[in-house]
Every structure is written in C-alpha cells, then in structure tokens.
Amino acid sequence: MPRHIAAFRINRYRVGMAYGNHLDNPLIGDSETLRSDISMTVVPHEAVEIARGVRVAVIGWLQSYRARPGPAPDPRRDEPGAAQAARDRRR
C-alpha cells in the first residue's frame, strides 16, 4: 500500500518528439515534497520519435512507507557514478 500517490499526468507527443531515456528526480513537487520511490510510465506504443500522428504517455509517482526505523537516506545525495551506473544497466 503506497503512502502517497502523486496526481497522474498525461503527456502528448507530436511529430518529431520522443519520450527518451532519463532519470526521474528523487523528490517531486513544489508546495508538498514527495519522495518518488516508484515512478511509472504507461505508453501504448513504442517510445521512439513520433513520425506521424499524436501519442500519449501517462506518468505517475508513488511514495512508499519506510520499511525500517531510523532516519531515511537523503535521496538528494547521489553517490559518485550512481546515475551513470543506472544508465549502463539499461543497455
């Protein structure tokens, strides 16, 4: 059971646009900060550059309950090379 679910967003992609590889920020929101433990993207098509028509993607974020007691790790601190290692694992 998630602790908090951020409002889902619908993105529209037109000719020449694409939903490329990226890393989500660990903290989402302006007025209320959400720790984005789980992010999701739902696309009913292959995520490549759009050649014709329009495509949509639904995106959302979940914050989980902390599983262990004690202070939570600070997600804003990126260990050296962690982002690059995550990208390399996707290849």
N, C-alpha and C. Protein backbone atom coordinates (compact mmCIF):
# COMPACT_ATOMS: atom_id res chain seq x y z
N MET A 1 0.84 -1.17 0.00
CA MET A 1 0.00 0.00 0.00
C MET A 1 0.89 1.24 0.00
N PRO A 2 0.76 2.10 -1.00
CA PRO A 2 1.58 3.31 -1.03
C PRO A 2 1.15 4.31 0.04
N ARG A 3 2.12 5.08 0.51
CA ARG A 3 1.81 6.13 1.47
C ARG A 3 1.18 7.32 0.78
N HIS A 4 1.67 7.64 -0.41
CA HIS A 4 1.14 8.79 -1.16
C HIS A 4 1.25 8.50 -2.65
N ILE A 5 0.24 8.90 -3.40
CA ILE A 5 0.25 8.76 -4.85
C ILE A 5 0.12 10.16 -5.44
N ALA A 6 1.10 10.57 -6.22
CA ALA A 6 1.04 11.89 -6.86
C ALA A 6 0.01 11.84 -7.98
N ALA A 7 -0.56 12.98 -8.29
CA ALA A 7 -1.53 13.05 -9.39
C ALA A 7 -0.87 12.58 -10.68
N PHE A 8 -1.58 11.75 -11.42
CA PHE A 8 -1.05 11.27 -12.69
C PHE A 8 -1.06 12.40 -13.71
N ARG A 9 -0.12 12.36 -14.61
CA ARG A 9 -0.04 13.37 -15.67
C ARG A 9 -0.13 12.67 -17.02
N ILE A 10 -0.71 13.37 -17.96
CA ILE A 10 -0.80 12.86 -19.33
C ILE A 10 0.03 13.78 -20.21
N ASN A 11 1.02 13.21 -20.86
CA ASN A 11 1.87 13.97 -21.79
C ASN A 11 1.47 13.62 -23.22
N ARG A 12 1.45 14.63 -24.09
CA ARG A 12 1.13 14.41 -25.50
C ARG A 12 2.39 14.68 -26.33
N TYR A 13 2.69 13.76 -27.23
CA TYR A 13 3.87 13.86 -28.08
C TYR A 13 3.42 13.96 -29.53
N ARG A 14 3.97 14.94 -30.24
CA ARG A 14 3.62 15.18 -31.65
C ARG A 14 4.81 14.82 -32.53
N VAL A 15 4.63 14.99 -33.84
CA VAL A 15 5.67 14.65 -34.81
C VAL A 15 6.99 15.29 -34.42
N GLY A 16 8.06 14.49 -34.43
CA GLY A 16 9.40 14.95 -34.09
C GLY A 16 9.74 14.83 -32.62
N MET A 17 8.76 14.56 -31.78
CA MET A 17 9.02 14.44 -30.34
C MET A 17 9.24 12.97 -29.98
N ALA A 18 9.87 12.71 -28.84
CA ALA A 18 10.11 11.35 -28.36
C ALA A 18 10.18 11.35 -26.84
N TYR A 19 9.85 10.23 -26.24
CA TYR A 19 9.97 10.04 -24.80
C TYR A 19 11.28 9.29 -24.60
N GLY A 20 12.37 10.03 -24.36
CA GLY A 20 13.70 9.44 -24.32
C GLY A 20 14.10 8.90 -22.96
N ASN A 21 15.27 8.27 -22.92
CA ASN A 21 15.82 7.78 -21.65
C ASN A 21 16.08 8.94 -20.72
N HIS A 22 15.82 8.74 -19.44
CA HIS A 22 16.02 9.80 -18.46
C HIS A 22 16.01 9.18 -17.06
N LEU A 23 16.41 9.95 -16.10
CA LEU A 23 16.30 9.57 -14.69
C LEU A 23 15.35 10.56 -14.02
N ASP A 24 14.39 10.05 -13.26
CA ASP A 24 13.47 10.92 -12.54
C ASP A 24 14.16 11.52 -11.32
N ASN A 25 13.74 12.70 -10.95
CA ASN A 25 14.25 13.32 -9.73
C ASN A 25 13.78 12.51 -8.52
N PRO A 26 14.59 12.39 -7.48
CA PRO A 26 14.17 11.64 -6.30
C PRO A 26 13.12 12.37 -5.47
N LEU A 27 12.99 13.68 -5.65
CA LEU A 27 11.97 14.46 -4.95
C LEU A 27 11.11 15.17 -5.98
N ILE A 28 9.80 15.05 -5.84
CA ILE A 28 8.84 15.63 -6.77
C ILE A 28 7.97 16.63 -6.02
N GLY A 29 7.60 17.71 -6.66
CA GLY A 29 6.64 18.64 -6.08
C GLY A 29 7.25 19.97 -5.68
N ASP A 30 6.38 20.96 -5.59
CA ASP A 30 6.81 22.30 -5.21
C ASP A 30 6.32 22.65 -3.80
N SER A 31 5.00 22.65 -3.61
CA SER A 31 4.47 23.04 -2.30
C SER A 31 4.57 21.89 -1.30
N GLU A 32 4.37 20.67 -1.75
CA GLU A 32 4.49 19.49 -0.90
C GLU A 32 5.45 18.52 -1.57
N THR A 33 6.54 18.19 -0.89
CA THR A 33 7.56 17.33 -1.48
C THR A 33 7.18 15.87 -1.33
N LEU A 34 7.30 15.13 -2.41
CA LEU A 34 7.03 13.70 -2.44
C LEU A 34 8.33 13.00 -2.77
N ARG A 35 8.69 12.01 -1.97
CA ARG A 35 9.85 11.17 -2.26
C ARG A 35 9.39 10.16 -3.31
N SER A 36 9.92 10.23 -4.50
CA SER A 36 9.44 9.38 -5.59
C SER A 36 10.15 8.03 -5.58
N ASP A 37 9.70 7.15 -4.69
CA ASP A 37 10.31 5.82 -4.57
C ASP A 37 10.04 4.98 -5.82
N ILE A 38 8.87 5.13 -6.38
CA ILE A 38 8.48 4.36 -7.56
C ILE A 38 7.91 5.33 -8.59
N SER A 39 8.43 5.28 -9.80
CA SER A 39 7.85 6.07 -10.88
C SER A 39 7.38 5.11 -11.96
N MET A 40 6.36 5.54 -12.69
CA MET A 40 5.83 4.65 -13.74
C MET A 40 5.47 5.46 -14.97
N THR A 41 5.59 4.83 -16.11
CA THR A 41 5.21 5.42 -17.38
C THR A 41 4.41 4.38 -18.14
N VAL A 42 3.25 4.76 -18.60
CA VAL A 42 2.41 3.86 -19.40
C VAL A 42 2.30 4.46 -20.79
N VAL A 43 2.84 3.75 -21.77
CA VAL A 43 2.77 4.21 -23.15
C VAL A 43 2.19 3.08 -24.00
N PRO A 44 1.11 3.35 -24.76
CA PRO A 44 0.51 2.29 -25.59
C PRO A 44 1.18 2.19 -26.95
N HIS A 45 2.48 2.40 -27.01
CA HIS A 45 3.22 2.38 -28.27
C HIS A 45 4.70 2.29 -27.95
N GLU A 46 5.50 2.07 -28.96
CA GLU A 46 6.95 2.06 -28.78
C GLU A 46 7.43 3.48 -28.54
N ALA A 47 8.31 3.67 -27.58
CA ALA A 47 8.78 5.01 -27.20
C ALA A 47 9.91 5.47 -28.11
N VAL A 48 9.57 5.76 -29.35
CA VAL A 48 10.54 6.28 -30.33
C VAL A 48 10.01 7.61 -30.85
N GLU A 49 10.84 8.29 -31.63
CA GLU A 49 10.40 9.58 -32.20
C GLU A 49 9.12 9.39 -33.00
N ILE A 50 8.20 10.32 -32.83
CA ILE A 50 6.90 10.23 -33.49
C ILE A 50 7.05 10.68 -34.94
N ALA A 51 6.66 9.81 -35.88
CA ALA A 51 6.76 10.12 -37.30
C ALA A 51 5.46 10.72 -37.84
N ARG A 52 4.32 10.30 -37.27
CA ARG A 52 3.04 10.86 -37.69
C ARG A 52 2.03 10.67 -36.56
N GLY A 53 1.05 11.52 -36.53
CA GLY A 53 0.02 11.42 -35.51
C GLY A 53 0.47 11.98 -34.17
N VAL A 54 -0.26 11.59 -33.15
CA VAL A 54 -0.01 12.04 -31.78
C VAL A 54 -0.01 10.83 -30.88
N ARG A 55 0.87 10.81 -29.89
CA ARG A 55 0.93 9.72 -28.91
C ARG A 55 0.80 10.32 -27.52
N VAL A 56 0.32 9.52 -26.59
CA VAL A 56 0.21 9.98 -25.20
C VAL A 56 0.96 9.01 -24.29
N ALA A 57 1.41 9.55 -23.16
CA ALA A 57 2.04 8.75 -22.11
C ALA A 57 1.45 9.21 -20.79
N VAL A 58 1.11 8.27 -19.93
CA VAL A 58 0.61 8.58 -18.59
C VAL A 58 1.77 8.31 -17.63
N ILE A 59 2.08 9.31 -16.80
CA ILE A 59 3.18 9.15 -15.86
C ILE A 59 2.70 9.41 -14.44
N GLY A 60 3.33 8.76 -13.48
CA GLY A 60 2.95 8.94 -12.09
C GLY A 60 4.06 8.52 -11.15
N TRP A 61 3.92 8.91 -9.88
CA TRP A 61 4.93 8.62 -8.87
C TRP A 61 4.24 8.15 -7.59
N LEU A 62 4.90 7.24 -6.88
CA LEU A 62 4.41 6.73 -5.61
C LEU A 62 5.48 6.93 -4.54
N GLN A 63 5.02 7.22 -3.34
CA GLN A 63 5.92 7.25 -2.18
C GLN A 63 5.52 6.10 -1.29
N SER A 64 6.47 5.26 -0.92
CA SER A 64 6.18 4.11 -0.07
C SER A 64 6.30 4.48 1.40
N TYR A 65 5.75 3.60 2.25
CA TYR A 65 6.02 3.72 3.68
C TYR A 65 7.45 3.25 3.90
N ARG A 66 8.16 3.86 4.82
CA ARG A 66 9.51 3.40 5.09
C ARG A 66 9.45 2.03 5.75
N ALA A 67 10.29 1.14 5.26
CA ALA A 67 10.27 -0.24 5.74
C ALA A 67 11.05 -0.44 7.02
N ARG A 68 11.96 0.44 7.35
CA ARG A 68 12.78 0.24 8.54
C ARG A 68 12.81 1.52 9.38
N PRO A 69 12.96 1.38 10.68
CA PRO A 69 13.03 2.56 11.53
C PRO A 69 14.35 3.30 11.36
N GLY A 70 14.40 4.51 11.85
CA GLY A 70 15.62 5.29 11.77
C GLY A 70 15.51 6.34 10.69
N PRO A 71 16.51 7.18 10.59
CA PRO A 71 16.45 8.25 9.61
C PRO A 71 16.48 7.70 8.18
N ALA A 72 15.69 8.32 7.33
CA ALA A 72 15.66 7.92 5.92
C ALA A 72 16.90 8.45 5.22
N PRO A 73 17.41 7.72 4.23
CA PRO A 73 18.54 8.24 3.47
C PRO A 73 18.12 9.50 2.72
N ASP A 74 19.05 10.38 2.49
CA ASP A 74 18.76 11.62 1.76
C ASP A 74 18.87 11.34 0.27
N PRO A 75 17.74 11.29 -0.47
CA PRO A 75 17.79 10.93 -1.89
C PRO A 75 18.42 12.00 -2.76
N ARG A 76 18.66 13.19 -2.20
CA ARG A 76 19.29 14.25 -2.99
C ARG A 76 20.78 14.03 -3.14
N ARG A 77 21.34 13.17 -2.32
CA ARG A 77 22.79 12.89 -2.40
C ARG A 77 23.01 11.73 -3.34
N ASP A 78 23.68 11.98 -4.42
CA ASP A 78 23.96 10.96 -5.42
C ASP A 78 25.39 10.47 -5.22
N GLU A 79 25.54 9.19 -4.95
CA GLU A 79 26.89 8.65 -4.84
C GLU A 79 27.57 8.79 -6.19
N PRO A 80 28.86 9.08 -6.19
CA PRO A 80 29.57 9.26 -7.46
C PRO A 80 29.36 8.07 -8.39
N GLY A 81 28.91 8.37 -9.60
CA GLY A 81 28.74 7.32 -10.60
C GLY A 81 27.43 6.57 -10.54
N ALA A 82 26.57 6.82 -9.56
CA ALA A 82 25.33 6.05 -9.42
C ALA A 82 24.40 6.27 -10.60
N ALA A 83 24.26 7.51 -11.06
CA ALA A 83 23.38 7.80 -12.19
C ALA A 83 23.90 7.12 -13.47
N GLN A 84 25.20 7.19 -13.70
CA GLN A 84 25.76 6.55 -14.88
C GLN A 84 25.63 5.03 -14.80
N ALA A 85 25.81 4.46 -13.62
CA ALA A 85 25.66 3.02 -13.44
C ALA A 85 24.24 2.59 -13.75
N ALA A 86 23.25 3.38 -13.35
CA ALA A 86 21.85 3.06 -13.65
C ALA A 86 21.60 3.08 -15.15
N ARG A 87 22.18 4.05 -15.85
CA ARG A 87 22.01 4.12 -17.30
C ARG A 87 22.69 2.93 -17.98
N ASP A 88 23.87 2.55 -17.50
CA ASP A 88 24.59 1.42 -18.09
C ASP A 88 23.83 0.12 -17.92
N ARG A 89 23.14 -0.06 -16.80
CA ARG A 89 22.39 -1.30 -16.58
C ARG A 89 21.23 -1.44 -17.55
N ARG A 90 20.71 -0.32 -18.06
CA ARG A 90 19.58 -0.36 -19.01
C ARG A 90 20.01 -0.82 -20.39
N ARG A 91 21.28 -0.74 -20.69
CA ARG A 91 21.76 -1.10 -22.04
C ARG A 91 21.88 -2.57 -22.22
